[in-house]
Protein backbone atom coordinates (compact mmCIF):
# COMPACT_ATOMS: atom_id res chain seq x y z
CA MET A 1 -34.10 -15.55 -10.51
CA ARG A 2 -32.04 -12.71 -11.90
CA SER A 3 -30.35 -12.68 -15.27
CA TRP A 4 -26.75 -13.81 -15.66
CA ARG A 5 -25.73 -10.41 -17.03
CA GLY A 6 -27.14 -8.62 -13.98
CA MET A 7 -25.21 -10.87 -11.63
CA MET A 8 -22.03 -10.31 -13.62
CA SER A 9 -22.39 -6.52 -13.42
CA ASP A 10 -22.95 -6.79 -9.65
CA LEU A 11 -19.78 -8.87 -9.35
CA VAL A 12 -17.79 -6.36 -11.41
CA VAL A 13 -18.96 -3.48 -9.19
CA PHE A 14 -18.20 -5.48 -6.05
CA PHE A 15 -14.68 -6.40 -7.19
CA PHE A 16 -14.05 -2.81 -8.29
CA ILE A 17 -14.97 -1.50 -4.81
CA VAL A 18 -12.83 -4.17 -3.13
CA PHE A 19 -9.92 -3.32 -5.44
CA ILE A 20 -10.16 0.38 -4.53
CA PHE A 21 -10.22 -0.40 -0.81
CA VAL A 22 -7.26 -2.79 -1.05
CA SER A 23 -5.17 -0.38 -3.14
CA VAL A 24 -5.85 2.51 -0.74
CA PHE A 25 -5.01 0.28 2.23
CA LEU A 26 -1.75 -0.90 0.64
CA PHE A 27 -0.84 2.69 -0.25
CA ARG A 28 -1.40 3.85 3.35
CA LEU A 29 0.56 0.83 4.63
CA SER A 30 3.55 1.49 2.37
CA LEU A 31 3.45 5.18 3.29
CA ALA A 32 3.50 4.35 7.01
CA PHE A 33 6.29 1.82 6.39
CA THR A 34 8.51 4.36 4.61
CA LEU A 35 7.79 6.94 7.31
CA ALA A 36 8.76 4.43 10.02
CA LEU A 37 11.94 3.52 8.12
CA SER A 38 13.03 7.14 7.77
CA TRP A 39 12.21 7.72 11.47
CA LEU A 40 14.35 4.71 12.45
CA LYS A 41 17.18 5.95 10.22
CA ASP A 42 17.07 9.34 11.97
CA ARG A 43 17.10 7.66 15.39
CA ARG A 44 20.20 5.62 14.52
CA GLY A 45 22.15 8.83 14.03
CA GLY A 46 22.91 8.67 10.33
CA GLU A 47 24.74 5.35 10.51
CA ARG A 48 23.27 4.33 7.15
CA ARG A 49 24.48 7.59 5.60
CA ARG A 50 28.04 6.89 6.70
CA LEU A 51 27.89 3.41 5.16
CA ASP A 52 26.55 4.84 1.90
CA SER A 53 29.41 7.34 1.68
CA MET A 54 31.95 4.52 2.13
CA VAL A 55 30.62 2.57 -0.86
């Protein structure tokens, strides 16, 4: 049976690694999402730009 403090440190390390993986994954996902949005805006022929200039 291991000590309570040792188990806690293992949990902290585990959650830290999971947090890094999740943050990197979310960052890549948001980057791909913004890239896809800008690509769609370019495909639509600047329709959004015309609406922005009207406002």
